[in-house]
């Protein structure tokens, strides 16, 4: 169950692509519903329909589905449920989590070294746990390499409204931001348009945006939720899936989590990011989970 559209160019699309990989690597059939509004009753009703089908497992994609999935898992105790990026467990519900905060921390570290104005933007939509943790991680990485940098951070309330995203991006650029990190889905198109118009660089997330638009994106904090879907399906097929547990995938799984830098990034920045990556892999970096600084509200 996808609480959004599978062609959003972001998190939801990454999950859909992961789901489509399942029958390529395992003798399993898959089906899905998308464009479900991220509202409690709509998500619960969609999950109930899937739970009542002949599916061997129901996957809810995204942290915003956690409460709805836990409730429906209680209603269907014989069905297996997995929440990607979730936060709540039950005996028949597991969490599979891609540690996006690791690549996001590195993105913040890169932004701290690349900004020339010492003003960096952060844009997201819904205030869900993964998004809030991502913001905290980005702020932590930024402070680690540039304690003087000012962070302009905004949650607009929507992941998919391009017009809203463009308005916020332009406001951050007017406030001095020369690099903007976006944690958006379909709304990212508006931020891209704003960056193109003003000649500002962007750091993407979820997928490799550098490969897609190298003229706009200076880096991308790859965190592929689709990887977690494939792993959940593989565990189900291998009969090792278990409820009431969390499986996490981070920088040790570079197919899932990594920071991509554009070719034009200066070599000293690339070298330091490489060192920080190795430090993170061995557990030498503590990533903050909360952000207590000011927030940016466009006029």
C-alpha atoms as a PDB file:
ATOM      1  CA  UNK A   1       0.000   0.000   0.000  1.00  0.00           C
ATOM      2  CA  UNK A   2       1.503   3.260  -1.172  1.00  0.00           C
ATOM      3  CA  UNK A   3       0.223   6.505   0.425  1.00  0.00           C
ATOM      4  CA  UNK A   4       0.980   8.491  -2.688  1.00  0.00           C
ATOM      5  CA  UNK A   5       1.563   8.051  -6.404  1.00  0.00           C
ATOM      6  CA  UNK A   6       4.032   5.516  -7.773  1.00  0.00           C
ATOM      7  CA  UNK A   7       5.389   7.987 -10.348  1.00  0.00           C
ATOM      8  CA  UNK A   8       6.236  10.757  -7.869  1.00  0.00           C
ATOM      9  CA  UNK A   9       9.937  10.682  -8.725  1.00  0.00           C
ATOM     10  CA  UNK A  10      10.765  10.170  -5.051  1.00  0.00           C
ATOM     11  CA  UNK A  11      10.189   7.908  -2.082  1.00  0.00           C
ATOM     12  CA  UNK A  12       6.978   6.263  -3.303  1.00  0.00           C
ATOM     13  CA  UNK A  13       8.397   5.545  -6.749  1.00  0.00           C
ATOM     14  CA  UNK A  14      11.482   3.974  -5.169  1.00  0.00           C
ATOM     15  CA  UNK A  15       9.206   1.651  -3.229  1.00  0.00           C
ATOM     16  CA  UNK A  16       7.235   0.752  -6.330  1.00  0.00           C
ATOM     17  CA  UNK A  17      10.427  -0.047  -8.229  1.00  0.00           C
ATOM     18  CA  UNK A  18      11.501  -2.268  -5.348  1.00  0.00           C
ATOM     19  CA  UNK A  19       8.176  -4.083  -5.385  1.00  0.00           C
ATOM     20  CA  UNK A  20       8.520  -4.692  -9.108  1.00  0.00           C
ATOM     21  CA  UNK A  21      11.960  -6.220  -8.505  1.00  0.00           C
ATOM     22  CA  UNK A  22      10.479  -8.897  -6.247  1.00  0.00           C
ATOM     23  CA  UNK A  23       9.072 -11.175  -9.008  1.00  0.00           C
ATOM     24  CA  UNK A  24      12.346 -10.720 -10.914  1.00  0.00           C
ATOM     25  CA  UNK A  25      14.406 -12.247  -8.111  1.00  0.00           C
ATOM     26  CA  UNK A  26      11.875 -14.500  -6.341  1.00  0.00           C
ATOM     27  CA  UNK A  27       9.069 -16.808  -7.521  1.00  0.00           C
ATOM     28  CA  UNK A  28       6.467 -14.557  -5.933  1.00  0.00           C
ATOM     29  CA  UNK A  29       3.521 -12.557  -7.249  1.00  0.00           C
ATOM     30  CA  UNK A  30       2.927  -8.979  -6.157  1.00  0.00           C
ATOM     31  CA  UNK A  31       0.072  -6.511  -6.324  1.00  0.00           C
ATOM     32  CA  UNK A  32      -0.374  -3.004  -4.983  1.00  0.00           C
ATOM     33  CA  UNK A  33      -2.668  -0.055  -4.409  1.00  0.00           C
ATOM     34  CA  UNK A  34      -1.398   3.502  -4.686  1.00  0.00           C
ATOM     35  CA  UNK A  35      -2.713   7.065  -4.576  1.00  0.00           C
ATOM     36  CA  UNK A  36      -4.048   6.371  -1.090  1.00  0.00           C
ATOM     37  CA  UNK A  37      -4.302   9.698   0.762  1.00  0.00           C
ATOM     38  CA  UNK A  38      -1.951   9.807   3.781  1.00  0.00           C
ATOM     39  CA  UNK A  39      -4.994  10.019   6.067  1.00  0.00           C
ATOM     40  CA  UNK A  40      -5.679   7.528   8.842  1.00  0.00           C
ATOM     41  CA  UNK A  41      -9.042   6.146   7.699  1.00  0.00           C
ATOM     42  CA  UNK A  42      -8.091   5.954   4.028  1.00  0.00           C
ATOM     43  CA  UNK A  43      -4.895   4.063   4.827  1.00  0.00           C
ATOM     44  CA  UNK A  44      -6.639   1.685   7.242  1.00  0.00           C
ATOM     45  CA  UNK A  45      -9.353   0.880   4.710  1.00  0.00           C
ATOM     46  CA  UNK A  46      -6.774   0.155   1.995  1.00  0.00           C
ATOM     47  CA  UNK A  47      -4.798  -2.063   4.359  1.00  0.00           C
ATOM     48  CA  UNK A  48      -7.944  -3.941   5.393  1.00  0.00           C
ATOM     49  CA  UNK A  49      -8.697  -4.764   1.764  1.00  0.00           C
ATOM     50  CA  UNK A  50      -5.208  -6.107   1.250  1.00  0.00           C
ATOM     51  CA  UNK A  51      -5.223  -8.017   4.534  1.00  0.00           C
ATOM     52  CA  UNK A  52      -8.468  -9.763   3.603  1.00  0.00           C
ATOM     53  CA  UNK A  53      -7.038 -10.928   0.265  1.00  0.00           C
ATOM     54  CA  UNK A  54      -4.993 -14.081  -0.334  1.00  0.00           C
ATOM     55  CA  UNK A  55      -1.737 -12.171   0.234  1.00  0.00           C
ATOM     56  CA  UNK A  56       0.863 -13.858   2.442  1.00  0.00           C
ATOM     57  CA  UNK A  57       2.108 -10.473   3.633  1.00  0.00           C
ATOM     58  CA  UNK A  58       0.903  -6.876   3.481  1.00  0.00           C
ATOM     59  CA  UNK A  59       3.469  -4.072   3.192  1.00  0.00           C
ATOM     60  CA  UNK A  60       2.663  -0.499   4.197  1.00  0.00           C
ATOM     61  CA  UNK A  61       5.176   1.896   2.676  1.00  0.00           C
ATOM     62  CA  UNK A  62       6.273   4.911   4.684  1.00  0.00           C
ATOM     63  CA  UNK A  63       6.441   6.120   8.259  1.00  0.00           C
ATOM     64  CA  UNK A  64       3.085   7.870   7.882  1.00  0.00           C
ATOM     65  CA  UNK A  65       1.427   4.425   7.703  1.00  0.00           C
ATOM     66  CA  UNK A  66       2.700   3.200  11.092  1.00  0.00           C
ATOM     67  CA  UNK A  67      -0.377   3.813  13.236  1.00  0.00           C
ATOM     68  CA  UNK A  68      -2.823   2.629  10.570  1.00  0.00           C
ATOM     69  CA  UNK A  69      -0.802  -0.542   9.977  1.00  0.00           C
ATOM     70  CA  UNK A  70      -0.566  -1.326  13.680  1.00  0.00           C
ATOM     71  CA  UNK A  71      -4.334  -0.971  14.053  1.00  0.00           C
ATOM     72  CA  UNK A  72      -5.120  -3.201  11.057  1.00  0.00           C
ATOM     73  CA  UNK A  73      -2.510  -5.742  12.174  1.00  0.00           C
ATOM     74  CA  UNK A  74      -4.438  -5.976  15.470  1.00  0.00           C
ATOM     75  CA  UNK A  75      -7.653  -6.584  13.503  1.00  0.00           C
ATOM     76  CA  UNK A  76      -6.034  -9.313  11.339  1.00  0.00           C
ATOM     77  CA  UNK A  77      -3.813 -11.285  13.751  1.00  0.00           C
ATOM     78  CA  UNK A  78      -3.264 -14.127  11.258  1.00  0.00           C
ATOM     79  CA  UNK A  79      -1.934 -11.834   8.518  1.00  0.00           C
ATOM     80  CA  UNK A  80       1.688 -10.696   8.303  1.00  0.00           C
ATOM     81  CA  UNK A  81       2.381  -6.966   8.048  1.00  0.00           C
ATOM     82  CA  UNK A  82       5.580  -5.061   7.310  1.00  0.00           C
ATOM     83  CA  UNK A  83       5.974  -1.292   7.521  1.00  0.00           C
ATOM     84  CA  UNK A  84       8.855   0.268   5.612  1.00  0.00           C
ATOM     85  CA  UNK A  85      10.331   3.096   7.717  1.00  0.00           C
ATOM     86  CA  UNK A  86       7.847   2.325  10.486  1.00  0.00           C
ATOM     87  CA  UNK A  87       7.971   2.929  14.217  1.00  0.00           C
ATOM     88  CA  UNK A  88       5.351   0.604  15.766  1.00  0.00           C
ATOM     89  CA  UNK A  89       5.473  -3.167  16.208  1.00  0.00           C
ATOM     90  CA  UNK A  90       3.096  -6.038  16.912  1.00  0.00           C
ATOM     91  CA  UNK A  91       3.533  -9.817  17.073  1.00  0.00           C
ATOM     92  CA  UNK A  92       2.420  -9.969  13.419  1.00  0.00           C
ATOM     93  CA  UNK A  93       3.993  -6.683  12.318  1.00  0.00           C
ATOM     94  CA  UNK A  94       7.661  -6.017  11.520  1.00  0.00           C
ATOM     95  CA  UNK A  95       9.604  -2.882  10.616  1.00  0.00           C
ATOM     96  CA  UNK A  96      12.109  -2.819   7.759  1.00  0.00           C
ATOM     97  CA  UNK A  97      14.033   0.440   7.823  1.00  0.00           C
ATOM     98  CA  UNK A  98      16.509   2.001   5.444  1.00  0.00           C
ATOM     99  CA  UNK A  99      18.785   4.234   7.521  1.00  0.00           C
ATOM    100  CA  UNK A 100      18.380   7.293   5.351  1.00  0.00           C
ATOM    101  CA  UNK A 101      19.747   9.457   8.141  1.00  0.00           C
ATOM    102  CA  UNK A 102      23.237   8.094   7.405  1.00  0.00           C
ATOM    103  CA  UNK A 103      23.412   9.358   3.818  1.00  0.00           C
ATOM    104  CA  UNK A 104      21.554  12.513   4.881  1.00  0.00           C
ATOM    105  CA  UNK A 105      24.163  13.284   7.574  1.00  0.00           C
ATOM    106  CA  UNK A 106      26.841  12.972   4.909  1.00  0.00           C
ATOM    107  CA  UNK A 107      24.779  15.270   2.653  1.00  0.00           C
ATOM    108  CA  UNK A 108      24.773  17.874   5.411  1.00  0.00           C
ATOM    109  CA  UNK A 109      28.524  17.479   5.819  1.00  0.00           C
ATOM    110  CA  UNK A 110      28.996  18.000   2.077  1.00  0.00           C
ATOM    111  CA  UNK A 111      26.723  21.050   2.088  1.00  0.00           C
ATOM    112  CA  UNK A 112      28.777  22.572   4.893  1.00  0.00           C
ATOM    113  CA  UNK A 113      31.911  22.323   2.786  1.00  0.00           C
ATOM    114  CA  UNK A 114      30.300  23.414  -0.488  1.00  0.00           C
ATOM    115  CA  UNK A 115      28.245  26.455   0.551  1.00  0.00           C
ATOM    116  CA  UNK A 116      29.776  29.810  -0.290  1.00  0.00           C
ATOM    117  CA  UNK A 117      27.154  31.941   1.454  1.00  0.00           C
ATOM    118  CA  UNK A 118      27.125  29.885   4.680  1.00  0.00           C
ATOM    119  CA  UNK A 119      23.330  29.610   4.285  1.00  0.00           C
ATOM    120  CA  UNK A 120      21.840  26.209   3.450  1.00  0.00           C
ATOM    121  CA  UNK A 121      18.196  25.250   2.950  1.00  0.00           C
ATOM    122  CA  UNK A 122      16.274  22.130   3.948  1.00  0.00           C
ATOM    123  CA  UNK A 123      12.798  21.379   2.594  1.00  0.00           C
ATOM    124  CA  UNK A 124      10.405  18.597   3.534  1.00  0.00           C
ATOM    125  CA  UNK A 125       6.667  18.024   3.642  1.00  0.00           C
ATOM    126  CA  UNK A 126       5.005  15.860   6.283  1.00  0.00           C
ATOM    127  CA  UNK A 127       6.222  15.903   9.881  1.00  0.00           C
ATOM    128  CA  UNK A 128       6.606  12.140  10.172  1.00  0.00           C
ATOM    129  CA  UNK A 129       9.343  10.394  12.146  1.00  0.00           C
ATOM    130  CA  UNK A 130      11.626   9.605   9.158  1.00  0.00           C
ATOM    131  CA  UNK A 131      11.422  13.184   7.905  1.00  0.00           C
ATOM    132  CA  UNK A 132      12.141  14.665  11.320  1.00  0.00           C
ATOM    133  CA  UNK A 133      15.070  12.308  11.853  1.00  0.00           C
ATOM    134  CA  UNK A 134      16.330  13.238   8.387  1.00  0.00           C
ATOM    135  CA  UNK A 135      16.218  16.948   9.205  1.00  0.00           C
ATOM    136  CA  UNK A 136      18.126  16.353  12.454  1.00  0.00           C
ATOM    137  CA  UNK A 137      20.738  14.289  10.621  1.00  0.00           C
ATOM    138  CA  UNK A 138      21.241  16.923   7.927  1.00  0.00           C
ATOM    139  CA  UNK A 139      21.639  19.638  10.565  1.00  0.00           C
ATOM    140  CA  UNK A 140      24.146  17.478  12.411  1.00  0.00           C
ATOM    141  CA  UNK A 141      26.260  16.856   9.329  1.00  0.00           C
ATOM    142  CA  UNK A 142      26.165  20.534   8.378  1.00  0.00           C
ATOM    143  CA  UNK A 143      27.337  21.610  11.836  1.00  0.00           C
ATOM    144  CA  UNK A 144      30.115  18.999  11.814  1.00  0.00           C
ATOM    145  CA  UNK A 145      31.868  20.564   8.831  1.00  0.00           C
ATOM    146  CA  UNK A 146      30.718  24.183   9.070  1.00  0.00           C
ATOM    147  CA  UNK A 147      29.729  25.465  12.494  1.00  0.00           C
ATOM    148  CA  UNK A 148      29.079  28.940  11.034  1.00  0.00           C
ATOM    149  CA  UNK A 149      26.508  27.790   8.487  1.00  0.00           C
ATOM    150  CA  UNK A 150      22.894  28.870   8.981  1.00  0.00           C
ATOM    151  CA  UNK A 151      20.190  26.287   8.286  1.00  0.00           C
ATOM    152  CA  UNK A 152      16.835  27.342   6.831  1.00  0.00           C
ATOM    153  CA  UNK A 153      14.495  24.411   7.506  1.00  0.00           C
ATOM    154  CA  UNK A 154      10.864  24.086   6.471  1.00  0.00           C
ATOM    155  CA  UNK A 155       8.106  21.459   6.589  1.00  0.00           C
ATOM    156  CA  UNK A 156       5.377  22.614   4.219  1.00  0.00           C
ATOM    157  CA  UNK A 157       2.766  19.948   5.060  1.00  0.00           C
ATOM    158  CA  UNK A 158       2.824  18.403   1.582  1.00  0.00           C
ATOM    159  CA  UNK A 159       5.336  16.189  -0.223  1.00  0.00           C
ATOM    160  CA  UNK A 160       3.704  16.583  -3.625  1.00  0.00           C
ATOM    161  CA  UNK A 161       2.718  20.220  -4.295  1.00  0.00           C
ATOM    162  CA  UNK A 162       5.246  21.641  -6.767  1.00  0.00           C
ATOM    163  CA  UNK A 163       3.880  25.193  -6.527  1.00  0.00           C
ATOM    164  CA  UNK A 164       4.309  25.233  -2.738  1.00  0.00           C
ATOM    165  CA  UNK A 165       7.807  23.792  -3.045  1.00  0.00           C
ATOM    166  CA  UNK A 166       8.852  26.419  -5.589  1.00  0.00           C
ATOM    167  CA  UNK A 167       7.559  29.241  -3.388  1.00  0.00           C
ATOM    168  CA  UNK A 168       9.501  27.959  -0.369  1.00  0.00           C
ATOM    169  CA  UNK A 169      12.671  27.323  -2.383  1.00  0.00           C
ATOM    170  CA  UNK A 170      12.596  30.849  -3.805  1.00  0.00           C
ATOM    171  CA  UNK A 171      12.097  32.264  -0.311  1.00  0.00           C
ATOM    172  CA  UNK A 172      15.095  30.317   0.983  1.00  0.00           C
ATOM    173  CA  UNK A 173      17.189  31.488  -1.961  1.00  0.00           C
ATOM    174  CA  UNK A 174      16.132  35.087  -1.274  1.00  0.00           C
ATOM    175  CA  UNK A 175      17.281  34.520   2.334  1.00  0.00           C
ATOM    176  CA  UNK A 176      20.757  33.588   1.096  1.00  0.00           C
ATOM    177  CA  UNK A 177      20.676  29.824   0.557  1.00  0.00           C
ATOM    178  CA  UNK A 178      22.996  28.669  -2.216  1.00  0.00           C
ATOM    179  CA  UNK A 179      22.383  24.944  -1.608  1.00  0.00           C
ATOM    180  CA  UNK A 180      19.002  23.380  -0.788  1.00  0.00           C
ATOM    181  CA  UNK A 181      18.458  19.832   0.443  1.00  0.00           C
ATOM    182  CA  UNK A 182      15.030  18.486  -0.551  1.00  0.00           C
ATOM    183  CA  UNK A 183      13.160  15.605   1.081  1.00  0.00           C
ATOM    184  CA  UNK A 184      10.148  15.767  -1.233  1.00  0.00           C
ATOM    185  CA  UNK A 185       8.284  13.559  -3.688  1.00  0.00           C
ATOM    186  CA  UNK A 186       6.366  15.072  -6.625  1.00  0.00           C
ATOM    187  CA  UNK A 187       6.860  18.513  -5.066  1.00  0.00           C
ATOM    188  CA  UNK A 188      10.569  18.346  -5.828  1.00  0.00           C
ATOM    189  CA  UNK A 189       9.806  19.543  -9.366  1.00  0.00           C
ATOM    190  CA  UNK A 190       8.984  22.992  -7.978  1.00  0.00           C
ATOM    191  CA  UNK A 191      12.254  23.196  -6.064  1.00  0.00           C
ATOM    192  CA  UNK A 192      14.149  22.121  -9.190  1.00  0.00           C
ATOM    193  CA  UNK A 193      12.472  24.891 -11.186  1.00  0.00           C
ATOM    194  CA  UNK A 194      13.416  27.464  -8.557  1.00  0.00           C
ATOM    195  CA  UNK A 195      17.036  26.269  -8.471  1.00  0.00           C
ATOM    196  CA  UNK A 196      17.281  26.401 -12.265  1.00  0.00           C
ATOM    197  CA  UNK A 197      15.928  29.950 -12.350  1.00  0.00           C
ATOM    198  CA  UNK A 198      18.321  31.229  -9.678  1.00  0.00           C
ATOM    199  CA  UNK A 199      21.402  29.128 -10.406  1.00  0.00           C
ATOM    200  CA  UNK A 200      21.305  27.448  -7.000  1.00  0.00           C
ATOM    201  CA  UNK A 201      22.450  23.873  -6.398  1.00  0.00           C
ATOM    202  CA  UNK A 202      20.269  21.206  -4.882  1.00  0.00           C
ATOM    203  CA  UNK A 203      20.949  18.019  -2.921  1.00  0.00           C
ATOM    204  CA  UNK A 204      18.411  15.286  -3.552  1.00  0.00           C
ATOM    205  CA  UNK A 205      17.370  12.217  -1.619  1.00  0.00           C
ATOM    206  CA  UNK A 206      16.061   8.673  -2.161  1.00  0.00           C
ATOM    207  CA  UNK A 207      17.487   8.193  -5.676  1.00  0.00           C
ATOM    208  CA  UNK A 208      20.601   9.282  -7.564  1.00  0.00           C
ATOM    209  CA  UNK A 209      19.487  12.736  -8.724  1.00  0.00           C
ATOM    210  CA  UNK A 210      23.030  13.626  -9.786  1.00  0.00           C
ATOM    211  CA  UNK A 211      22.760  11.100 -12.616  1.00  0.00           C
ATOM    212  CA  UNK A 212      19.351  12.501 -13.620  1.00  0.00           C
ATOM    213  CA  UNK A 213      20.115  16.240 -13.516  1.00  0.00           C
ATOM    214  CA  UNK A 214      23.819  16.905 -12.963  1.00  0.00           C
ATOM    215  CA  UNK A 215      23.348  20.570 -13.855  1.00  0.00           C
ATOM    216  CA  UNK A 216      21.094  21.058 -10.798  1.00  0.00           C
ATOM    217  CA  UNK A 217      22.135  18.456  -8.239  1.00  0.00           C
ATOM    218  CA  UNK A 218      25.520  18.662  -6.558  1.00  0.00           C
ATOM    219  CA  UNK A 219      24.828  15.552  -4.460  1.00  0.00           C
ATOM    220  CA  UNK A 220      22.141  13.039  -3.598  1.00  0.00           C
ATOM    221  CA  UNK A 221      21.534  11.186  -0.328  1.00  0.00           C
ATOM    222  CA  UNK A 222      20.464   7.852  -1.780  1.00  0.00           C
ATOM    223  CA  UNK A 223      18.196   5.820   0.519  1.00  0.00           C
ATOM    224  CA  UNK A 224      16.262   3.204  -1.424  1.00  0.00           C
ATOM    225  CA  UNK A 225      13.154   2.047   0.431  1.00  0.00           C
ATOM    226  CA  UNK A 226      12.581  -0.411  -2.400  1.00  0.00           C
ATOM    227  CA  UNK A 227      15.626  -2.322  -1.161  1.00  0.00           C
ATOM    228  CA  UNK A 228      13.782  -2.931   2.120  1.00  0.00           C
ATOM    229  CA  UNK A 229      10.734  -4.266   0.262  1.00  0.00           C
ATOM    230  CA  UNK A 230      12.894  -6.809  -1.562  1.00  0.00           C
ATOM    231  CA  UNK A 231      14.524  -7.874   1.704  1.00  0.00           C
ATOM    232  CA  UNK A 232      11.155  -8.320   3.413  1.00  0.00           C
ATOM    233  CA  UNK A 233       9.937 -10.453   0.510  1.00  0.00           C
ATOM    234  CA  UNK A 234      13.129 -12.507   0.560  1.00  0.00           C
ATOM    235  CA  UNK A 235      12.756 -13.117   4.299  1.00  0.00           C
ATOM    236  CA  UNK A 236       9.154 -14.210   3.749  1.00  0.00           C
ATOM    237  CA  UNK A 237      10.200 -16.609   0.983  1.00  0.00           C
ATOM    238  CA  UNK A 238      13.051 -18.009   3.111  1.00  0.00           C
ATOM    239  CA  UNK A 239      10.662 -18.445   6.066  1.00  0.00           C
ATOM    240  CA  UNK A 240      12.764 -16.234   8.326  1.00  0.00           C
ATOM    241  CA  UNK A 241      10.397 -13.252   8.438  1.00  0.00           C
ATOM    242  CA  UNK A 242       9.233 -12.531  11.984  1.00  0.00           C
ATOM    243  CA  UNK A 243       6.866 -10.024  13.503  1.00  0.00           C
ATOM    244  CA  UNK A 244       7.740  -7.807  16.443  1.00  0.00           C
ATOM    245  CA  UNK A 245      11.238  -7.056  15.164  1.00  0.00           C
ATOM    246  CA  UNK A 246      13.064  -4.359  13.245  1.00  0.00           C
ATOM    247  CA  UNK A 247      15.583  -4.900  10.440  1.00  0.00           C
ATOM    248  CA  UNK A 248      17.767  -1.957   9.483  1.00  0.00           C
ATOM    249  CA  UNK A 249      19.918  -1.345   6.399  1.00  0.00           C
ATOM    250  CA  UNK A 250      22.535   1.399   6.254  1.00  0.00           C
ATOM    251  CA  UNK A 251      25.874   2.319   4.729  1.00  0.00           C
ATOM    252  CA  UNK A 252      27.041  -1.290   5.022  1.00  0.00           C
ATOM    253  CA  UNK A 253      24.514  -1.904   2.231  1.00  0.00           C
ATOM    254  CA  UNK A 254      25.586   0.682  -0.393  1.00  0.00           C
ATOM    255  CA  UNK A 255      22.902  -0.549  -2.782  1.00  0.00           C
ATOM    256  CA  UNK A 256      20.448   0.833  -0.233  1.00  0.00           C
ATOM    257  CA  UNK A 257      22.210   3.810   1.364  1.00  0.00           C
ATOM    258  CA  UNK A 258      25.027   5.986   0.027  1.00  0.00           C
ATOM    259  CA  UNK A 259      25.928   9.600  -0.773  1.00  0.00           C
ATOM    260  CA  UNK A 260      26.500  10.417  -4.451  1.00  0.00           C
ATOM    261  CA  UNK A 261      28.584  13.486  -5.290  1.00  0.00           C
ATOM    262  CA  UNK A 262      28.639  15.296  -8.630  1.00  0.00           C
ATOM    263  CA  UNK A 263      31.781  15.009 -10.751  1.00  0.00           C
ATOM    264  CA  UNK A 264      32.540  18.703 -10.280  1.00  0.00           C
ATOM    265  CA  UNK A 265      32.723  18.547  -6.489  1.00  0.00           C
ATOM    266  CA  UNK A 266      36.259  19.592  -5.412  1.00  0.00           C
ATOM    267  CA  UNK A 267      38.610  16.703  -4.644  1.00  0.00           C
ATOM    268  CA  UNK A 268      39.238  17.773  -1.002  1.00  0.00           C
ATOM    269  CA  UNK A 269      35.484  17.580  -0.371  1.00  0.00           C
ATOM    270  CA  UNK A 270      35.274  14.143  -1.992  1.00  0.00           C
ATOM    271  CA  UNK A 271      38.232  12.956   0.077  1.00  0.00           C
ATOM    272  CA  UNK A 272      36.746  14.122   3.340  1.00  0.00           C
ATOM    273  CA  UNK A 273      33.353  12.600   2.526  1.00  0.00           C
ATOM    274  CA  UNK A 274      35.113   9.307   1.794  1.00  0.00           C
ATOM    275  CA  UNK A 275      36.769   9.411   5.215  1.00  0.00           C
ATOM    276  CA  UNK A 276      33.516  10.320   6.952  1.00  0.00           C
ATOM    277  CA  UNK A 277      31.768   7.469   5.122  1.00  0.00           C
ATOM    278  CA  UNK A 278      34.278   4.953   6.445  1.00  0.00           C
ATOM    279  CA  UNK A 279      33.960   6.436   9.913  1.00  0.00           C
ATOM    280  CA  UNK A 280      30.193   6.034   9.732  1.00  0.00           C
ATOM    281  CA  UNK A 281      30.400   2.432   8.533  1.00  0.00           C
ATOM    282  CA  UNK A 282      32.416   1.475  11.624  1.00  0.00           C
ATOM    283  CA  UNK A 283      30.038   3.346  13.939  1.00  0.00           C
ATOM    284  CA  UNK A 284      32.278   6.304  14.669  1.00  0.00           C
ATOM    285  CA  UNK A 285      29.692   9.015  13.979  1.00  0.00           C
ATOM    286  CA  UNK A 286      26.770   9.731  16.280  1.00  0.00           C
ATOM    287  CA  UNK A 287      23.821  11.022  14.273  1.00  0.00           C
ATOM    288  CA  UNK A 288      21.403  13.283  16.159  1.00  0.00           C
ATOM    289  CA  UNK A 289      17.733  12.302  16.089  1.00  0.00           C
ATOM    290  CA  UNK A 290      16.265  15.630  17.151  1.00  0.00           C
ATOM    291  CA  UNK A 291      16.579  19.186  15.900  1.00  0.00           C
ATOM    292  CA  UNK A 292      15.947  22.042  18.331  1.00  0.00           C
ATOM    293  CA  UNK A 293      16.929  25.034  16.217  1.00  0.00           C
ATOM    294  CA  UNK A 294      14.758  27.666  14.528  1.00  0.00           C
ATOM    295  CA  UNK A 295      12.465  26.948  11.595  1.00  0.00           C
ATOM    296  CA  UNK A 296      12.084  28.930   8.402  1.00  0.00           C
ATOM    297  CA  UNK A 297       8.678  30.370   7.550  1.00  0.00           C
ATOM    298  CA  UNK A 298       8.444  32.083   4.160  1.00  0.00           C
ATOM    299  CA  UNK A 299       6.664  35.429   4.084  1.00  0.00           C
END
